Amino acid sequence: MEQPNINYIKELSCGDVEFEEKMVSILRRELPEEMKNYLKTLEINDLKQTAEIVHKIKHKISILGLEKSYEFTIRYEKELLNGDKSNHENFFKILATMSDFLTK
């Protein structure tokens, strides 16, 4: 499985370490809440709302350099909108990988 990185954040920052730290801090703060909301909406089978949360998370996946996971998430978001949540476990593995990276 591909591993998260902050290469894109570094590229955006043009060497501004404060910007890099702020971006990572935002990801650290927002991802746990989004994960919680994702699981909650999935549990009650509100797949439209789940897809909206996945859409928000998708951008964080991209920011952390997870290109294959980003492509997977595009498909998963569409699947959710079509009532299919069968790829939940694969998506949650991506979330867990991101969470582990951000808590280091």
N, C-alpha and C. Protein backbone atom coordinates (compact mmCIF):
# COMPACT_ATOMS: atom_id res chain seq x y z
N MET A 1 0.84 -1.19 0.00
CA MET A 1 0.00 0.00 0.00
C MET A 1 0.88 1.25 0.00
N GLU A 2 0.46 2.23 -0.77
CA GLU A 2 1.24 3.48 -0.82
C GLU A 2 1.20 4.18 0.54
N GLN A 3 2.21 4.98 0.78
CA GLN A 3 2.34 5.65 2.07
C GLN A 3 2.16 7.16 1.92
N PRO A 4 1.48 7.76 2.89
CA PRO A 4 1.30 9.22 2.86
C PRO A 4 2.63 9.95 2.98
N ASN A 5 2.63 11.18 2.48
CA ASN A 5 3.81 12.03 2.60
C ASN A 5 3.36 13.48 2.53
N ILE A 6 4.28 14.38 2.82
CA ILE A 6 3.94 15.80 2.76
C ILE A 6 4.66 16.51 1.61
N ASN A 7 5.04 15.75 0.61
CA ASN A 7 5.75 16.33 -0.54
C ASN A 7 4.94 17.44 -1.21
N TYR A 8 3.64 17.21 -1.40
CA TYR A 8 2.81 18.22 -2.05
C TYR A 8 2.71 19.47 -1.18
N ILE A 9 2.58 19.28 0.12
CA ILE A 9 2.52 20.42 1.04
C ILE A 9 3.82 21.21 0.96
N LYS A 10 4.95 20.50 0.92
CA LYS A 10 6.25 21.18 0.81
C LYS A 10 6.36 21.95 -0.50
N GLU A 11 5.84 21.35 -1.56
CA GLU A 11 5.86 22.02 -2.86
C GLU A 11 5.04 23.31 -2.83
N LEU A 12 3.86 23.23 -2.22
CA LEU A 12 3.00 24.41 -2.10
C LEU A 12 3.63 25.50 -1.25
N SER A 13 4.35 25.08 -0.22
CA SER A 13 4.86 26.03 0.78
C SER A 13 6.06 26.84 0.29
N CYS A 14 6.74 26.35 -0.74
CA CYS A 14 7.96 27.02 -1.23
C CYS A 14 8.94 27.30 -0.08
N GLY A 15 9.05 26.33 0.82
CA GLY A 15 10.00 26.47 1.93
C GLY A 15 9.46 27.14 3.17
N ASP A 16 8.20 27.53 3.18
CA ASP A 16 7.58 28.18 4.34
C ASP A 16 7.18 27.10 5.35
N VAL A 17 8.05 26.85 6.32
CA VAL A 17 7.84 25.78 7.30
C VAL A 17 6.57 26.03 8.12
N GLU A 18 6.30 27.28 8.43
CA GLU A 18 5.09 27.61 9.20
C GLU A 18 3.83 27.19 8.43
N PHE A 19 3.82 27.41 7.13
CA PHE A 19 2.70 26.99 6.29
C PHE A 19 2.56 25.47 6.33
N GLU A 20 3.68 24.76 6.20
CA GLU A 20 3.66 23.30 6.23
C GLU A 20 3.08 22.79 7.54
N GLU A 21 3.54 23.37 8.64
CA GLU A 21 3.06 22.95 9.96
C GLU A 21 1.57 23.23 10.12
N LYS A 22 1.12 24.37 9.60
CA LYS A 22 -0.29 24.73 9.70
C LYS A 22 -1.15 23.75 8.89
N MET A 23 -0.72 23.40 7.69
CA MET A 23 -1.47 22.45 6.86
C MET A 23 -1.57 21.09 7.54
N VAL A 24 -0.46 20.60 8.07
CA VAL A 24 -0.47 19.30 8.75
C VAL A 24 -1.36 19.38 9.99
N SER A 25 -1.30 20.49 10.70
CA SER A 25 -2.14 20.68 11.88
C SER A 25 -3.62 20.63 11.53
N ILE A 26 -3.99 21.25 10.43
CA ILE A 26 -5.39 21.22 9.99
C ILE A 26 -5.81 19.79 9.67
N LEU A 27 -4.96 19.06 8.97
CA LEU A 27 -5.27 17.66 8.64
C LEU A 27 -5.43 16.84 9.92
N ARG A 28 -4.54 17.04 10.87
CA ARG A 28 -4.60 16.31 12.14
C ARG A 28 -5.89 16.60 12.89
N ARG A 29 -6.34 17.83 12.83
CA ARG A 29 -7.53 18.23 13.56
C ARG A 29 -8.81 17.75 12.86
N GLU A 30 -8.86 17.86 11.55
CA GLU A 30 -10.10 17.58 10.81
C GLU A 30 -10.33 16.10 10.53
N LEU A 31 -9.28 15.35 10.24
CA LEU A 31 -9.47 13.95 9.82
C LEU A 31 -10.19 13.09 10.86
N PRO A 32 -9.83 13.13 12.14
CA PRO A 32 -10.54 12.28 13.10
C PRO A 32 -12.05 12.55 13.15
N GLU A 33 -12.43 13.80 13.08
CA GLU A 33 -13.86 14.15 13.09
C GLU A 33 -14.55 13.65 11.82
N GLU A 34 -13.88 13.80 10.69
CA GLU A 34 -14.46 13.31 9.44
C GLU A 34 -14.56 11.79 9.43
N MET A 35 -13.59 11.11 10.01
CA MET A 35 -13.66 9.65 10.12
C MET A 35 -14.85 9.24 10.97
N LYS A 36 -15.04 9.93 12.08
CA LYS A 36 -16.16 9.63 12.97
C LYS A 36 -17.50 9.85 12.24
N ASN A 37 -17.62 10.95 11.54
CA ASN A 37 -18.85 11.24 10.79
C ASN A 37 -19.07 10.25 9.66
N TYR A 38 -17.99 9.84 9.02
CA TYR A 38 -18.07 8.84 7.95
C TYR A 38 -18.68 7.55 8.50
N LEU A 39 -18.14 7.07 9.61
CA LEU A 39 -18.63 5.82 10.20
C LEU A 39 -20.08 5.94 10.66
N LYS A 40 -20.41 7.09 11.23
CA LYS A 40 -21.77 7.32 11.73
C LYS A 40 -22.78 7.29 10.58
N THR A 41 -22.50 7.98 9.50
CA THR A 41 -23.45 8.01 8.38
C THR A 41 -23.51 6.66 7.66
N LEU A 42 -22.39 5.97 7.63
CA LEU A 42 -22.37 4.64 7.01
C LEU A 42 -23.22 3.68 7.84
N GLU A 43 -23.10 3.77 9.16
CA GLU A 43 -23.84 2.88 10.06
C GLU A 43 -25.35 3.04 9.91
N ILE A 44 -25.81 4.27 9.71
CA ILE A 44 -27.25 4.48 9.56
C ILE A 44 -27.69 4.40 8.09
N ASN A 45 -26.75 4.03 7.24
CA ASN A 45 -27.01 3.79 5.82
C ASN A 45 -27.44 5.06 5.07
N ASP A 46 -26.95 6.20 5.52
CA ASP A 46 -27.19 7.46 4.81
C ASP A 46 -26.04 7.63 3.80
N LEU A 47 -26.15 6.92 2.70
CA LEU A 47 -25.04 6.84 1.76
C LEU A 47 -24.80 8.14 1.00
N LYS A 48 -25.83 8.95 0.83
CA LYS A 48 -25.62 10.26 0.19
C LYS A 48 -24.73 11.13 1.07
N GLN A 49 -25.04 11.17 2.36
CA GLN A 49 -24.22 11.95 3.29
C GLN A 49 -22.83 11.34 3.41
N THR A 50 -22.76 10.02 3.41
CA THR A 50 -21.46 9.34 3.47
C THR A 50 -20.61 9.74 2.27
N ALA A 51 -21.22 9.78 1.10
CA ALA A 51 -20.49 10.18 -0.13
C ALA A 51 -20.00 11.62 -0.02
N GLU A 52 -20.78 12.49 0.60
CA GLU A 52 -20.34 13.88 0.78
C GLU A 52 -19.11 13.96 1.68
N ILE A 53 -19.10 13.15 2.73
CA ILE A 53 -17.95 13.12 3.63
C ILE A 53 -16.73 12.55 2.90
N VAL A 54 -16.94 11.48 2.15
CA VAL A 54 -15.86 10.89 1.36
C VAL A 54 -15.30 11.92 0.38
N HIS A 55 -16.17 12.72 -0.20
CA HIS A 55 -15.73 13.78 -1.12
C HIS A 55 -14.78 14.76 -0.42
N LYS A 56 -15.11 15.15 0.79
CA LYS A 56 -14.25 16.07 1.55
C LYS A 56 -12.91 15.42 1.88
N ILE A 57 -12.96 14.16 2.28
CA ILE A 57 -11.74 13.44 2.66
C ILE A 57 -10.85 13.21 1.44
N LYS A 58 -11.48 13.06 0.29
CA LYS A 58 -10.74 12.80 -0.96
C LYS A 58 -9.65 13.83 -1.20
N HIS A 59 -9.92 15.07 -0.87
CA HIS A 59 -8.93 16.13 -1.08
C HIS A 59 -7.75 15.98 -0.13
N LYS A 60 -8.00 15.52 1.07
CA LYS A 60 -6.92 15.27 2.02
C LYS A 60 -6.04 14.12 1.53
N ILE A 61 -6.68 13.12 0.93
CA ILE A 61 -5.94 11.99 0.37
C ILE A 61 -4.96 12.49 -0.69
N SER A 62 -5.43 13.38 -1.52
CA SER A 62 -4.59 13.96 -2.57
C SER A 62 -3.45 14.78 -1.97
N ILE A 63 -3.76 15.59 -0.98
CA ILE A 63 -2.75 16.44 -0.34
C ILE A 63 -1.64 15.60 0.27
N LEU A 64 -1.99 14.40 0.76
CA LEU A 64 -0.99 13.53 1.37
C LEU A 64 -0.31 12.61 0.35
N GLY A 65 -0.47 12.92 -0.93
CA GLY A 65 0.28 12.22 -1.97
C GLY A 65 -0.15 10.80 -2.25
N LEU A 66 -1.37 10.45 -1.88
CA LEU A 66 -1.86 9.08 -2.08
C LEU A 66 -2.62 9.00 -3.41
N GLU A 67 -1.88 8.95 -4.49
CA GLU A 67 -2.48 9.04 -5.82
C GLU A 67 -3.40 7.87 -6.15
N LYS A 68 -2.96 6.65 -5.88
CA LYS A 68 -3.81 5.48 -6.16
C LYS A 68 -5.04 5.49 -5.27
N SER A 69 -4.85 5.87 -4.03
CA SER A 69 -5.98 5.94 -3.09
C SER A 69 -6.96 7.02 -3.52
N TYR A 70 -6.46 8.10 -4.06
CA TYR A 70 -7.32 9.18 -4.56
C TYR A 70 -8.20 8.65 -5.70
N GLU A 71 -7.60 7.92 -6.64
CA GLU A 71 -8.36 7.35 -7.75
C GLU A 71 -9.40 6.36 -7.25
N PHE A 72 -9.02 5.53 -6.27
CA PHE A 72 -9.96 4.59 -5.67
C PHE A 72 -11.13 5.35 -5.04
N THR A 73 -10.82 6.43 -4.34
CA THR A 73 -11.84 7.19 -3.62
C THR A 73 -12.83 7.85 -4.58
N ILE A 74 -12.37 8.27 -5.73
CA ILE A 74 -13.29 8.81 -6.75
C ILE A 74 -14.33 7.75 -7.10
N ARG A 75 -13.87 6.52 -7.32
CA ARG A 75 -14.79 5.42 -7.65
C ARG A 75 -15.71 5.10 -6.48
N TYR A 76 -15.14 5.06 -5.27
CA TYR A 76 -15.92 4.72 -4.08
C TYR A 76 -17.03 5.75 -3.84
N GLU A 77 -16.72 7.01 -4.03
CA GLU A 77 -17.73 8.06 -3.86
C GLU A 77 -18.91 7.82 -4.81
N LYS A 78 -18.62 7.48 -6.05
CA LYS A 78 -19.68 7.19 -7.03
C LYS A 78 -20.47 5.94 -6.64
N GLU A 79 -19.75 4.93 -6.14
CA GLU A 79 -20.43 3.70 -5.70
C GLU A 79 -21.41 4.01 -4.58
N LEU A 80 -20.99 4.83 -3.62
CA LEU A 80 -21.88 5.19 -2.52
C LEU A 80 -23.13 5.87 -3.03
N LEU A 81 -22.97 6.77 -3.98
CA LEU A 81 -24.12 7.47 -4.55
C LEU A 81 -25.06 6.52 -5.29
N ASN A 82 -24.53 5.36 -5.69
CA ASN A 82 -25.34 4.33 -6.35
C ASN A 82 -25.81 3.26 -5.37
N GLY A 83 -25.63 3.52 -4.06
CA GLY A 83 -26.12 2.60 -3.04
C GLY A 83 -25.20 1.44 -2.70
N ASP A 84 -23.96 1.49 -3.16
CA ASP A 84 -23.01 0.39 -2.95
C ASP A 84 -21.94 0.80 -1.95
N LYS A 85 -21.93 0.16 -0.79
CA LYS A 85 -20.92 0.47 0.22
C LYS A 85 -19.93 -0.68 0.41
N SER A 86 -19.85 -1.57 -0.56
CA SER A 86 -19.03 -2.77 -0.43
C SER A 86 -17.53 -2.49 -0.31
N ASN A 87 -17.08 -1.32 -0.72
CA ASN A 87 -15.65 -1.00 -0.62
C ASN A 87 -15.29 -0.26 0.66
N HIS A 88 -16.19 -0.29 1.62
CA HIS A 88 -15.96 0.41 2.89
C HIS A 88 -14.64 0.00 3.54
N GLU A 89 -14.39 -1.31 3.64
CA GLU A 89 -13.17 -1.76 4.33
C GLU A 89 -11.92 -1.26 3.64
N ASN A 90 -11.90 -1.26 2.33
CA ASN A 90 -10.74 -0.75 1.60
C ASN A 90 -10.55 0.74 1.84
N PHE A 91 -11.65 1.49 1.86
CA PHE A 91 -11.56 2.92 2.12
C PHE A 91 -11.09 3.17 3.55
N PHE A 92 -11.59 2.38 4.48
CA PHE A 92 -11.21 2.60 5.87
C PHE A 92 -9.72 2.31 6.08
N LYS A 93 -9.16 1.40 5.33
CA LYS A 93 -7.71 1.14 5.40
C LYS A 93 -6.93 2.39 5.00
N ILE A 94 -7.42 3.10 4.00
CA ILE A 94 -6.79 4.35 3.58
C ILE A 94 -6.85 5.36 4.72
N LEU A 95 -8.03 5.48 5.33
CA LEU A 95 -8.20 6.41 6.46
C LEU A 95 -7.26 6.06 7.61
N ALA A 96 -7.15 4.78 7.91
CA ALA A 96 -6.27 4.34 9.01
C ALA A 96 -4.81 4.67 8.70
N THR A 97 -4.41 4.47 7.46
CA THR A 97 -3.04 4.79 7.05
C THR A 97 -2.77 6.29 7.21
N MET A 98 -3.73 7.10 6.80
CA MET A 98 -3.59 8.55 6.94
C MET A 98 -3.53 8.95 8.41
N SER A 99 -4.41 8.38 9.20
CA SER A 99 -4.46 8.71 10.62
C SER A 99 -3.16 8.33 11.31
N ASP A 100 -2.65 7.15 11.01
CA ASP A 100 -1.37 6.71 11.59
C ASP A 100 -0.25 7.69 11.22
N PHE A 101 -0.21 8.10 9.97
CA PHE A 101 0.81 9.03 9.50
C PHE A 101 0.72 10.36 10.23
N LEU A 102 -0.48 10.86 10.40
CA LEU A 102 -0.67 12.18 11.00
C LEU A 102 -0.46 12.19 12.51
N THR A 103 -0.50 11.02 13.15
CA THR A 103 -0.29 10.98 14.60
C THR A 103 1.15 10.69 14.97
N LYS A 104 2.02 10.60 13.98
CA LYS A 104 3.45 10.37 14.26
C LYS A 104 4.09 11.64 14.76
